[in-house]
N, C-alpha and C. Protein backbone atom coordinates (compact mmCIF):
# COMPACT_ATOMS: atom_id res chain seq x y z
N MET A 1 75.53 60.31 25.75
CA MET A 1 76.74 60.78 24.62
C MET A 1 77.09 61.93 24.84
N LEU A 2 78.58 62.18 25.09
CA LEU A 2 78.76 63.57 24.87
C LEU A 2 78.83 64.62 23.80
N LEU A 3 77.93 65.72 23.97
CA LEU A 3 78.08 66.69 22.88
C LEU A 3 79.10 67.71 22.96
N ASP A 4 79.82 67.64 21.63
CA ASP A 4 81.04 68.22 21.70
C ASP A 4 81.29 68.88 20.34
N LEU A 5 80.69 70.53 20.22
CA LEU A 5 80.93 70.60 18.86
C LEU A 5 82.42 71.02 18.57
N LYS A 6 82.45 70.28 17.35
CA LYS A 6 83.88 70.29 16.62
C LYS A 6 83.77 71.41 15.98
N LEU A 7 84.78 72.62 16.31
CA LEU A 7 84.86 73.89 15.18
C LEU A 7 86.06 73.96 14.92
N SER A 8 86.58 74.59 13.98
CA SER A 8 87.99 75.18 13.84
C SER A 8 88.45 76.13 14.83
N PRO A 9 89.76 76.30 14.94
CA PRO A 9 89.94 77.72 15.40
C PRO A 9 89.24 78.93 15.48
N ARG A 10 89.25 79.03 14.32
CA ARG A 10 88.74 80.55 14.11
C ARG A 10 87.07 80.37 14.30
N ALA A 11 86.50 79.55 14.27
CA ALA A 11 84.77 79.06 14.60
C ALA A 11 84.89 78.92 16.22
N GLN A 12 85.73 78.31 16.90
CA GLN A 12 85.40 78.20 18.21
C GLN A 12 85.84 80.16 18.64
N SER A 13 86.68 80.88 18.32
CA SER A 13 86.83 82.02 19.05
C SER A 13 85.77 82.83 18.54
N ALA A 14 85.00 82.85 17.24
CA ALA A 14 83.87 83.23 16.71
C ALA A 14 82.67 83.21 17.82
N SER A 15 82.51 81.85 18.18
CA SER A 15 81.39 81.29 19.15
C SER A 15 81.90 81.93 20.38
N ILE A 16 82.93 82.25 20.92
CA ILE A 16 83.02 82.72 22.28
C ILE A 16 82.87 84.26 22.13
N TRP A 17 83.15 84.98 21.01
CA TRP A 17 82.80 86.29 20.96
C TRP A 17 81.30 86.38 20.75
N ALA A 18 80.63 85.48 20.21
CA ALA A 18 79.28 85.66 20.06
C ALA A 18 78.63 85.48 21.39
N LEU A 19 78.86 84.71 22.08
CA LEU A 19 78.55 84.31 23.60
C LEU A 19 78.56 85.48 24.31
N TYR A 20 79.78 86.29 24.26
CA TYR A 20 80.10 87.72 25.15
C TYR A 20 79.06 88.88 24.58
N ALA A 21 78.66 88.83 23.04
CA ALA A 21 78.01 89.38 22.54
C ALA A 21 76.19 89.46 23.20
N LEU A 22 75.84 87.97 22.75
CA LEU A 22 75.07 87.88 23.22
C LEU A 22 74.78 87.98 24.72
N GLY A 23 75.68 87.49 25.41
CA GLY A 23 75.62 87.53 26.80
C GLY A 23 75.16 89.07 27.22
N LEU A 24 75.57 90.13 26.54
CA LEU A 24 75.41 91.37 27.37
C LEU A 24 74.00 91.85 26.81
N VAL A 25 73.48 91.01 25.61
CA VAL A 25 72.49 91.62 25.64
C VAL A 25 71.17 92.34 26.33
N PRO A 26 71.01 91.24 27.63
CA PRO A 26 69.88 91.88 28.43
C PRO A 26 70.44 93.38 29.27
N ALA A 27 71.49 93.38 29.56
CA ALA A 27 72.15 94.86 30.18
C ALA A 27 71.79 95.50 29.11
N VAL A 28 72.09 95.76 27.67
CA VAL A 28 71.80 96.83 26.81
C VAL A 28 70.40 97.00 26.82
N TRP A 29 69.60 95.70 26.83
CA TRP A 29 68.02 96.00 26.57
C TRP A 29 67.42 96.53 27.85
N THR A 30 68.20 96.08 29.09
CA THR A 30 67.05 96.79 30.11
C THR A 30 67.73 98.05 30.45
N PHE A 31 69.09 98.42 29.90
CA PHE A 31 69.47 100.05 29.98
C PHE A 31 68.19 100.70 29.05
N TYR A 32 68.17 100.23 27.79
CA TYR A 32 67.34 100.74 26.97
C TYR A 32 65.85 101.31 27.43
N LEU A 33 65.22 100.11 28.06
CA LEU A 33 64.07 100.09 29.01
C LEU A 33 64.04 101.41 29.78
N GLY A 34 65.03 101.10 30.56
CA GLY A 34 65.23 102.31 31.76
C GLY A 34 65.48 103.95 31.16
N ALA A 35 66.28 103.95 29.80
CA ALA A 35 66.31 105.13 29.03
C ALA A 35 64.81 105.79 28.71
N THR A 36 63.97 104.60 28.02
CA THR A 36 62.99 105.14 27.56
C THR A 36 61.40 104.99 28.60
N ASN A 37 61.85 105.10 29.79
CA ASN A 37 60.96 104.64 30.75
C ASN A 37 59.94 103.94 31.00
N GLN A 38 60.67 102.74 30.36
CA GLN A 38 59.47 101.48 30.76
C GLN A 38 60.09 100.40 31.80
N LEU A 39 60.56 100.76 32.34
CA LEU A 39 61.01 100.14 33.65
C LEU A 39 59.89 100.45 34.90
N GLY A 40 58.92 100.47 34.92
CA GLY A 40 58.01 101.20 36.30
C GLY A 40 58.35 102.16 37.18
N ALA A 41 57.41 102.27 38.21
CA ALA A 41 57.74 103.59 39.18
C ALA A 41 59.32 103.21 39.91
N ASP A 42 59.98 102.51 40.04
CA ASP A 42 61.40 102.56 40.27
C ASP A 42 62.17 101.87 39.06
N PRO A 43 62.54 102.43 38.19
CA PRO A 43 63.47 101.91 37.23
C PRO A 43 65.22 101.73 37.66
N VAL A 44 65.51 102.55 38.55
CA VAL A 44 66.85 102.14 39.21
C VAL A 44 66.97 100.82 40.02
N LYS A 45 65.84 100.37 40.96
CA LYS A 45 65.85 99.60 41.39
C LYS A 45 65.78 98.05 40.58
N ILE A 46 64.93 98.16 39.60
CA ILE A 46 64.52 97.37 38.59
C ILE A 46 65.94 96.88 37.89
N PHE A 47 66.56 97.89 37.33
CA PHE A 47 67.86 97.74 36.23
C PHE A 47 68.90 97.08 37.38
N GLU A 48 69.26 97.60 38.68
CA GLU A 48 70.00 97.38 39.63
C GLU A 48 69.86 95.51 39.80
N ARG A 49 68.26 95.26 40.01
CA ARG A 49 68.52 93.84 40.53
C ARG A 49 68.53 92.90 39.07
N SER A 50 68.17 93.30 38.16
CA SER A 50 68.12 92.77 36.83
C SER A 50 69.55 92.30 36.71
N LEU A 51 70.64 93.25 37.03
CA LEU A 51 71.84 93.27 36.58
C LEU A 51 72.36 91.83 37.50
N GLY A 52 72.04 92.09 38.46
CA GLY A 52 72.41 91.19 39.62
C GLY A 52 71.77 89.67 39.36
N LEU A 53 70.48 89.66 38.86
CA LEU A 53 70.18 88.35 38.57
C LEU A 53 70.90 87.64 37.61
N TRP A 54 70.93 88.78 36.74
CA TRP A 54 71.97 87.84 35.25
C TRP A 54 73.59 87.56 35.75
N GLY A 55 73.58 88.33 36.97
CA GLY A 55 75.37 88.00 37.38
C GLY A 55 75.13 86.41 38.09
N LEU A 56 73.95 86.10 38.64
CA LEU A 56 73.86 84.97 39.22
C LEU A 56 73.62 83.69 38.42
N ARG A 57 72.89 84.17 37.59
CA ARG A 57 72.70 83.07 36.28
C ARG A 57 74.14 82.78 35.39
N PHE A 58 74.60 83.76 35.52
CA PHE A 58 76.14 83.31 34.56
C PHE A 58 76.67 82.72 35.57
N LEU A 59 76.77 83.01 37.02
CA LEU A 59 77.72 81.91 37.80
C LEU A 59 77.25 80.68 37.97
N ILE A 60 75.97 80.64 37.84
CA ILE A 60 75.63 79.33 37.83
C ILE A 60 75.99 78.34 36.69
N LEU A 61 75.68 79.08 35.53
CA LEU A 61 76.16 78.59 33.96
C LEU A 61 77.86 78.04 34.10
N THR A 62 78.42 79.17 34.67
CA THR A 62 79.92 78.76 34.77
C THR A 62 80.10 77.23 35.82
N LEU A 63 79.49 77.40 36.88
CA LEU A 63 79.65 76.39 37.54
C LEU A 63 78.93 74.86 37.08
N ALA A 64 77.95 74.89 36.14
CA ALA A 64 77.39 73.81 35.31
C ALA A 64 78.44 73.40 34.25
N VAL A 65 79.24 73.82 33.83
CA VAL A 65 80.18 73.24 32.98
C VAL A 65 80.67 72.24 33.14
N THR A 66 81.46 72.00 34.15
CA THR A 66 82.22 70.78 34.59
C THR A 66 81.03 69.44 35.13
N PRO A 67 80.03 70.04 35.66
CA PRO A 67 79.12 68.90 35.40
C PRO A 67 78.63 68.29 34.42
N LEU A 68 78.30 68.98 33.39
CA LEU A 68 77.55 68.76 32.20
C LEU A 68 78.44 67.72 31.41
N ARG A 69 79.93 68.47 31.41
CA ARG A 69 81.05 67.72 30.66
C ARG A 69 81.36 66.21 31.71
N ASP A 70 81.39 66.09 32.89
CA ASP A 70 81.91 64.93 33.48
C ASP A 70 80.78 63.89 33.49
N LEU A 71 79.34 64.52 32.99
CA LEU A 71 78.00 63.71 32.87
C LEU A 71 78.03 63.52 31.54
N GLU A 72 78.78 63.87 30.62
CA GLU A 72 78.51 63.31 28.82
C GLU A 72 77.32 63.88 28.35
N ILE A 73 77.04 65.09 28.97
CA ILE A 73 75.76 65.63 28.05
C ILE A 73 76.22 67.10 27.31
N PHE A 74 77.36 67.76 27.52
CA PHE A 74 77.79 68.69 26.85
C PHE A 74 79.33 69.41 27.18
N ASN A 75 80.23 69.50 26.25
CA ASN A 75 81.39 69.99 26.53
C ASN A 75 81.75 71.11 26.71
N GLY A 76 81.50 72.18 27.33
CA GLY A 76 81.67 73.93 27.10
C GLY A 76 82.52 74.40 27.69
N LEU A 77 83.51 73.33 28.23
CA LEU A 77 84.95 74.26 28.62
C LEU A 77 85.54 75.37 28.07
N ARG A 78 85.03 75.23 26.56
CA ARG A 78 85.84 76.42 25.79
C ARG A 78 84.85 77.75 26.22
N PHE A 79 83.63 77.52 26.77
CA PHE A 79 82.92 78.95 27.09
C PHE A 79 82.96 79.13 28.52
N ARG A 80 83.68 78.43 29.61
CA ARG A 80 83.84 78.52 30.67
C ARG A 80 84.24 79.93 31.18
N ARG A 81 85.25 80.43 30.23
CA ARG A 81 85.96 81.90 30.84
C ARG A 81 85.16 82.78 30.85
N ALA A 82 84.52 82.76 29.35
CA ALA A 82 83.63 83.38 28.71
C ALA A 82 82.09 83.89 29.76
N LEU A 83 81.84 82.60 30.39
CA LEU A 83 80.54 82.89 30.93
C LEU A 83 81.27 82.98 32.43
N GLY A 84 82.35 82.66 33.19
CA GLY A 84 82.91 83.36 34.26
C GLY A 84 83.00 84.97 34.32
N LEU A 85 83.69 85.55 33.11
CA LEU A 85 83.38 86.89 32.81
C LEU A 85 82.39 87.65 32.61
N LEU A 86 81.17 87.31 32.12
CA LEU A 86 80.23 87.79 32.20
C LEU A 86 79.48 87.94 33.37
N ALA A 87 79.71 86.82 34.23
CA ALA A 87 79.15 87.04 35.46
C ALA A 87 79.79 88.26 36.27
N PHE A 88 80.94 88.19 36.09
CA PHE A 88 81.80 89.52 36.65
C PHE A 88 81.36 90.64 36.19
N TYR A 89 81.18 91.13 34.68
CA TYR A 89 80.97 92.05 34.21
C TYR A 89 79.21 92.53 34.79
N TYR A 90 78.47 91.54 34.68
CA TYR A 90 77.02 91.81 35.64
C TYR A 90 77.08 92.26 37.08
N VAL A 91 77.97 91.51 37.76
CA VAL A 91 78.08 91.79 39.23
C VAL A 91 78.72 93.35 39.52
N ALA A 92 79.41 93.31 38.71
CA ALA A 92 80.35 94.81 38.65
C ALA A 92 79.16 95.99 38.11
N LEU A 93 78.69 95.50 37.49
CA LEU A 93 77.57 96.63 36.70
C LEU A 93 76.57 96.84 37.93
N HIS A 94 76.23 95.58 37.98
CA HIS A 94 74.89 95.85 39.59
C HIS A 94 75.45 96.73 40.70
N PHE A 95 76.76 96.43 41.03
CA PHE A 95 77.55 97.35 41.91
C PHE A 95 77.49 98.83 41.77
N THR A 96 77.77 99.22 40.52
CA THR A 96 78.06 100.50 39.95
C THR A 96 76.80 101.30 39.83
N VAL A 97 75.28 100.50 39.28
CA VAL A 97 74.11 100.84 39.37
C VAL A 97 73.72 101.34 41.04
N TYR A 98 73.96 100.44 41.70
CA TYR A 98 74.00 100.47 43.15
C TYR A 98 74.85 101.56 44.01
N ALA A 99 76.14 102.16 43.84
CA ALA A 99 76.75 102.77 44.01
C ALA A 99 76.59 104.19 43.61
N VAL A 100 76.46 104.29 41.85
CA VAL A 100 76.02 105.55 41.47
C VAL A 100 74.35 105.96 41.38
N LEU A 101 73.72 105.37 40.80
CA LEU A 101 72.29 105.62 40.63
C LEU A 101 71.22 105.55 42.04
N ASP A 102 71.84 104.70 42.94
CA ASP A 102 71.00 104.24 44.29
C ASP A 102 71.57 105.16 45.36
N GLN A 103 73.11 105.34 45.60
CA GLN A 103 73.86 105.63 46.47
C GLN A 103 74.39 107.12 46.31
N ALA A 104 74.06 107.68 44.81
CA ALA A 104 75.15 108.91 44.36
C ALA A 104 76.34 109.07 44.71
N LEU A 105 77.24 107.81 44.93
CA LEU A 105 78.35 107.51 45.30
C LEU A 105 78.42 108.47 46.66
N ASN A 106 77.75 108.47 47.37
CA ASN A 106 77.77 108.51 48.62
C ASN A 106 78.65 107.54 49.93
N LEU A 107 80.14 107.46 49.80
CA LEU A 107 80.85 106.28 50.07
C LEU A 107 80.49 106.28 51.68
N ASN A 108 79.80 106.93 52.51
CA ASN A 108 79.42 107.01 53.93
C ASN A 108 78.37 105.78 53.91
N ALA A 109 77.68 106.15 52.75
CA ALA A 109 76.42 105.54 53.02
C ALA A 109 76.35 103.92 52.43
N ILE A 110 77.39 103.93 51.26
CA ILE A 110 77.60 102.60 50.96
C ILE A 110 78.20 101.47 52.07
N ILE A 111 79.00 102.15 52.88
CA ILE A 111 79.86 101.70 53.66
C ILE A 111 79.13 101.14 54.94
N ALA A 112 78.06 102.04 55.40
CA ALA A 112 77.17 102.15 56.25
C ALA A 112 76.19 100.83 55.59
N ASP A 113 75.77 100.73 54.40
CA ASP A 113 74.77 99.78 54.32
C ASP A 113 75.79 98.32 54.14
N VAL A 114 77.03 98.40 53.83
CA VAL A 114 77.96 96.96 53.93
C VAL A 114 77.78 96.41 55.45
N ILE A 115 78.16 97.48 56.49
CA ILE A 115 77.92 96.86 57.74
C ILE A 115 76.73 96.82 58.32
N LYS A 116 75.74 97.10 58.09
CA LYS A 116 74.62 97.10 58.69
C LYS A 116 73.53 95.94 58.16
N ARG A 117 73.81 95.92 56.94
CA ARG A 117 72.97 95.19 56.03
C ARG A 117 73.59 93.97 55.54
N PRO A 118 73.50 92.60 55.96
CA PRO A 118 73.95 91.07 55.56
C PRO A 118 74.10 91.24 54.19
N PHE A 119 73.02 91.14 53.70
CA PHE A 119 72.76 90.67 52.24
C PHE A 119 73.85 91.76 51.47
N ILE A 120 73.88 92.85 51.67
CA ILE A 120 74.77 93.58 51.00
C ILE A 120 76.34 93.42 51.23
N THR A 121 76.49 92.95 52.69
CA THR A 121 77.78 92.10 52.90
C THR A 121 78.06 91.33 52.11
N PHE A 122 77.39 90.39 51.66
CA PHE A 122 77.70 89.29 51.33
C PHE A 122 77.60 89.64 49.59
N GLY A 123 76.88 90.72 49.31
CA GLY A 123 77.37 90.73 47.86
C GLY A 123 78.65 91.53 47.70
N MET A 124 79.07 92.10 48.41
CA MET A 124 80.01 93.18 48.32
C MET A 124 81.62 92.02 48.27
N ALA A 125 81.19 91.16 49.40
CA ALA A 125 82.10 89.97 49.52
C ALA A 125 82.56 89.32 48.32
N GLY A 126 81.38 88.86 47.45
CA GLY A 126 81.42 88.12 46.48
C GLY A 126 82.04 88.90 45.55
N LEU A 127 81.62 90.13 45.25
CA LEU A 127 82.38 91.04 43.98
C LEU A 127 83.71 91.37 44.20
N LEU A 128 84.47 91.54 45.52
CA LEU A 128 85.70 91.38 45.65
C LEU A 128 86.58 90.56 45.53
N LEU A 129 85.90 88.99 45.64
CA LEU A 129 86.38 87.91 45.53
C LEU A 129 86.57 87.72 43.82
N LEU A 130 85.65 87.96 43.22
CA LEU A 130 85.21 87.91 41.69
C LEU A 130 86.38 88.67 41.21
N ILE A 131 87.10 89.79 41.73
CA ILE A 131 87.96 90.55 41.11
C ILE A 131 89.08 89.92 40.83
N PRO A 132 89.88 89.11 41.66
CA PRO A 132 91.11 88.46 41.13
C PRO A 132 90.69 87.53 40.25
N LEU A 133 89.41 86.91 40.23
CA LEU A 133 89.38 85.67 39.21
C LEU A 133 88.95 86.03 37.89
N ALA A 134 88.50 87.46 37.62
CA ALA A 134 88.74 88.36 36.47
C ALA A 134 90.06 88.61 35.88
N VAL A 135 90.54 89.23 37.08
CA VAL A 135 92.03 89.59 36.62
C VAL A 135 92.96 88.17 35.77
N THR A 136 92.76 87.19 36.15
CA THR A 136 93.83 85.90 36.20
C THR A 136 93.22 85.24 34.92
N SER A 137 92.09 85.92 34.61
CA SER A 137 90.98 84.81 33.61
C SER A 137 91.81 85.13 32.03
N ASN A 138 93.32 84.77 32.10
CA ASN A 138 93.75 84.99 30.79
C ASN A 138 95.08 83.84 31.07
N ASN A 139 95.66 83.41 29.57
CA ASN A 139 96.34 82.56 29.47
C ASN A 139 97.75 82.69 30.18
N ALA A 140 98.31 83.89 30.19
CA ALA A 140 99.26 84.18 30.81
C ALA A 140 99.30 84.12 32.32
N SER A 141 98.23 84.32 33.01
CA SER A 141 97.85 84.35 34.47
C SER A 141 97.95 82.72 34.61
N ILE A 142 97.57 81.92 33.50
CA ILE A 142 97.41 80.43 34.05
C ILE A 142 99.02 79.74 33.85
N ARG A 143 99.48 80.50 33.04
CA ARG A 143 101.01 79.91 33.10
C ARG A 143 102.13 80.55 34.14
N ARG A 144 101.55 81.88 34.68
CA ARG A 144 102.62 82.31 35.62
C ARG A 144 102.21 81.89 36.95
N LEU A 145 100.96 81.70 37.34
CA LEU A 145 100.46 80.84 38.44
C LEU A 145 100.57 79.29 38.61
N GLY A 146 100.56 78.80 37.70
CA GLY A 146 100.66 77.31 37.88
C GLY A 146 99.42 76.63 38.24
N SER A 147 99.80 75.76 39.33
CA SER A 147 98.80 74.77 40.46
C SER A 147 98.08 76.16 41.08
N GLY A 148 98.53 77.11 41.36
CA GLY A 148 98.10 78.05 42.39
C GLY A 148 96.78 78.71 41.25
N TRP A 149 96.70 78.39 40.04
CA TRP A 149 95.71 79.43 39.34
C TRP A 149 94.34 78.58 39.83
N THR A 150 94.64 77.18 39.63
CA THR A 150 93.21 76.20 39.74
C THR A 150 92.93 76.84 41.43
N THR A 151 93.89 76.96 42.35
CA THR A 151 93.43 77.14 43.74
C THR A 151 92.61 78.24 43.82
N LEU A 152 93.24 79.34 43.13
CA LEU A 152 92.68 80.90 43.22
C LEU A 152 91.20 80.80 42.97
N HIS A 153 90.90 80.14 41.35
CA HIS A 153 89.83 79.93 40.89
C HIS A 153 88.58 78.76 41.44
N GLN A 154 89.31 78.23 42.48
CA GLN A 154 88.27 77.37 43.28
C GLN A 154 87.20 78.42 44.40
N LEU A 155 87.66 79.90 44.16
CA LEU A 155 87.18 80.53 45.04
C LEU A 155 85.57 81.04 44.45
N ILE A 156 85.12 80.22 43.04
CA ILE A 156 84.19 80.65 42.56
C ILE A 156 83.18 80.13 43.16
N TYR A 157 83.21 78.62 44.19
CA TYR A 157 82.60 78.05 45.14
C TYR A 157 81.91 78.99 45.72
N LEU A 158 82.71 79.89 46.59
CA LEU A 158 82.79 80.39 48.22
C LEU A 158 81.60 81.72 47.13
N ILE A 159 82.08 82.10 46.29
CA ILE A 159 81.59 83.17 45.57
C ILE A 159 80.33 82.93 45.14
N ALA A 160 79.61 81.97 44.57
CA ALA A 160 78.52 81.66 44.16
C ALA A 160 77.46 81.24 45.60
N THR A 161 78.09 80.70 46.45
CA THR A 161 77.40 80.67 47.75
C THR A 161 76.97 82.04 48.32
N LEU A 162 77.61 83.30 48.68
CA LEU A 162 77.69 84.46 48.45
C LEU A 162 76.69 85.07 47.49
N GLY A 163 76.92 84.64 46.69
CA GLY A 163 75.54 85.11 45.74
C GLY A 163 74.33 84.59 45.93
N ALA A 164 74.01 83.49 46.21
CA ALA A 164 72.70 82.86 46.43
C ALA A 164 71.98 83.71 47.65
N LEU A 165 73.20 83.76 48.64
CA LEU A 165 72.74 84.19 50.02
C LEU A 165 72.58 85.72 49.82
N HIS A 166 73.13 86.67 49.05
CA HIS A 166 72.78 87.95 48.41
C HIS A 166 71.27 88.14 47.80
N TYR A 167 71.16 87.28 46.95
CA TYR A 167 70.03 87.18 46.07
C TYR A 167 68.74 86.63 46.84
N SER A 168 68.92 85.81 47.71
CA SER A 168 67.98 85.16 48.54
C SER A 168 67.30 86.35 49.72
N MET A 169 68.11 87.09 50.23
CA MET A 169 68.23 87.62 51.59
C MET A 169 67.65 89.43 50.88
N ALA A 170 67.55 89.50 49.56
CA ALA A 170 67.37 90.99 49.15
C ALA A 170 65.91 91.02 49.26
N VAL A 171 65.24 90.32 49.34
CA VAL A 171 63.41 90.16 49.12
C VAL A 171 63.20 89.82 50.36
N LYS A 172 62.14 90.29 50.81
CA LYS A 172 61.55 89.56 52.16
C LYS A 172 60.48 88.29 51.93
N VAL A 173 60.23 87.94 50.48
CA VAL A 173 59.58 86.86 50.38
C VAL A 173 60.20 86.05 48.98
N LEU A 174 60.50 84.75 49.18
CA LEU A 174 61.51 84.03 47.90
C LEU A 174 60.23 83.56 47.19
N THR A 175 60.30 84.03 45.75
CA THR A 175 59.61 83.40 44.78
C THR A 175 59.98 82.01 43.91
N ALA A 176 58.98 81.39 43.11
CA ALA A 176 59.55 80.14 42.79
C ALA A 176 60.80 80.04 42.05
N GLU A 177 60.91 81.30 41.58
CA GLU A 177 62.27 81.36 40.58
C GLU A 177 63.28 81.68 41.48
N GLN A 178 63.19 82.45 42.72
CA GLN A 178 64.29 82.63 43.39
C GLN A 178 64.63 81.02 44.17
N TYR A 179 63.74 80.40 44.38
CA TYR A 179 64.01 78.98 45.20
C TYR A 179 64.54 77.90 43.67
N LEU A 180 64.23 78.41 42.57
CA LEU A 180 64.92 77.39 41.70
C LEU A 180 66.77 78.11 41.66
N TYR A 181 66.76 79.13 41.54
CA TYR A 181 68.34 79.57 41.39
C TYR A 181 69.05 79.21 42.74
N ILE A 182 68.66 79.23 43.77
CA ILE A 182 69.20 78.62 44.97
C ILE A 182 69.30 77.28 44.90
N TRP A 183 68.19 76.47 44.38
CA TRP A 183 68.55 75.29 44.35
C TRP A 183 69.74 74.79 43.48
N LEU A 184 69.70 75.31 42.56
CA LEU A 184 70.88 74.79 41.41
C LEU A 184 72.08 75.24 42.00
N VAL A 185 72.18 76.37 42.78
CA VAL A 185 73.68 76.46 43.13
C VAL A 185 73.81 75.67 44.44
N VAL A 186 72.87 74.87 45.11
CA VAL A 186 73.07 74.01 46.20
C VAL A 186 73.69 72.67 45.20
N VAL A 187 72.85 72.49 44.33
CA VAL A 187 73.10 71.50 43.54
C VAL A 187 74.42 71.07 43.27
N LEU A 188 74.92 72.09 42.49
CA LEU A 188 76.16 72.33 41.78
C LEU A 188 77.15 72.39 42.68
N LEU A 189 77.07 72.92 44.20
CA LEU A 189 78.08 72.91 44.75
C LEU A 189 77.90 71.65 45.52
N ALA A 190 77.06 70.80 45.74
CA ALA A 190 77.09 69.30 46.10
C ALA A 190 77.60 68.57 45.33
N TYR A 191 78.03 68.78 43.93
CA TYR A 191 78.21 67.99 42.82
C TYR A 191 79.97 68.32 43.37
N ARG A 192 80.35 68.88 43.66
CA ARG A 192 81.57 69.02 43.70
C ARG A 192 82.14 68.20 44.91
N ILE A 193 81.18 68.02 45.82
CA ILE A 193 81.73 66.94 46.87
C ILE A 193 82.01 65.40 46.49
N VAL A 194 80.78 65.06 45.32
CA VAL A 194 80.41 63.78 45.09
C VAL A 194 81.28 63.31 43.56
N ARG A 195 81.89 64.55 43.17
CA ARG A 195 82.78 64.44 41.94
C ARG A 195 83.26 63.17 41.97
N PRO A 196 84.21 63.32 42.51
CA PRO A 196 85.70 61.98 42.70
C PRO A 196 84.81 60.65 42.57
N LYS A 197 83.63 60.59 43.12
CA LYS A 197 83.15 58.97 43.18
C LYS A 197 82.49 59.17 41.65
N VAL A 198 81.89 59.88 41.19
CA VAL A 198 81.27 60.26 39.79
C VAL A 198 82.64 59.66 38.67
N MET A 199 83.85 60.56 38.76
CA MET A 199 84.90 60.22 38.14
C MET A 199 85.36 58.65 37.97
N GLN A 200 85.62 58.50 39.38
CA GLN A 200 85.98 57.25 39.49
C GLN A 200 85.11 56.16 38.72
N ALA A 201 83.72 56.34 38.99
CA ALA A 201 82.62 55.30 38.05
C ALA A 201 82.70 55.08 36.75
N LYS A 202 82.82 56.68 36.18
CA LYS A 202 83.10 56.79 34.90
C LYS A 202 84.43 56.47 34.33
N LYS A 203 85.64 56.28 35.40
CA LYS A 203 86.75 55.22 34.81
C LYS A 203 86.53 53.90 34.85
N ALA A 204 86.06 53.59 35.81
CA ALA A 204 85.85 52.35 35.86
C ALA A 204 84.99 51.55 34.58
N ARG A 205 83.86 52.24 34.19
CA ARG A 205 82.86 52.04 32.88
C ARG A 205 83.64 52.21 31.81
N ARG A 206 84.61 52.93 31.66
CA ARG A 206 85.57 52.92 30.42
C ARG A 206 86.71 51.96 30.29
N LYS A 207 86.88 51.12 31.54
CA LYS A 207 87.71 50.46 31.53
C LYS A 207 87.34 49.14 31.20
N ALA A 208 86.07 48.92 31.74
CA ALA A 208 85.17 47.55 31.78
C ALA A 208 85.32 47.61 29.98
N ALA A 209 84.45 48.68 29.78
CA ALA A 209 84.03 48.63 28.14
C ALA A 209 85.44 48.67 27.19
N SER A 210 86.79 48.96 27.67
CA SER A 210 87.72 48.67 26.77
C SER A 210 88.06 47.04 26.88
N HIS A 211 87.88 46.79 28.39
CA HIS A 211 88.04 45.14 28.08
C HIS A 211 87.22 44.19 27.44
N VAL A 212 86.19 44.80 27.69
CA VAL A 212 85.19 43.96 26.68
C VAL A 212 85.31 44.10 25.09
N SER A 213 85.95 45.05 24.43
CA SER A 213 86.21 45.50 23.14
C SER A 213 87.17 44.80 22.77
N SER A 214 88.22 44.60 23.45
CA SER A 214 89.73 43.73 23.53
C SER A 214 89.12 42.28 23.13
N ARG A 215 88.32 42.22 23.89
CA ARG A 215 88.15 40.28 23.50
C ARG A 215 88.20 39.96 22.51
């Protein structure tokens, strides 16, 4: 049975703003821990990695909206834009901490890192691809771009792949948690391949149920 919260327009707007507020709590909390010297021996690196991890988490949640709705588990379409923007905010903050606190805005060092270190190359590519998606995440862009908007936002699948590669290559040894996130990205991307068959089967079930009820 599809879980779909029936809310008034005002309540829907409030729930989305609440999601933004709640979604930014990890960034604020981690910043507080860093400012009060509670992030260990390498606070910059921990802060940077925490922001990147939350960016990946929100990417995964964004990708999960469609299959959860298709499989009649939860209809979270109204939250998808907020989840996608939260992913962008965290990835952008992740890069900002890297560029400002880690590399001290040394452009040459940043460019050298992007060229020489593949995981940073993947991360930078993901960030650059996220920018047009964030800029066009509004109703005006949907109307202006038409069907092109959907095509543009399919970049989320490539971005999630780049994010998973960046995340997995950033460390020498993968933990169980990292394997979990990588597995989730793979499953959610694979779902897009089988989705036409899932929707076809869903349509057939509804047609059969309608035929039975009409007797």
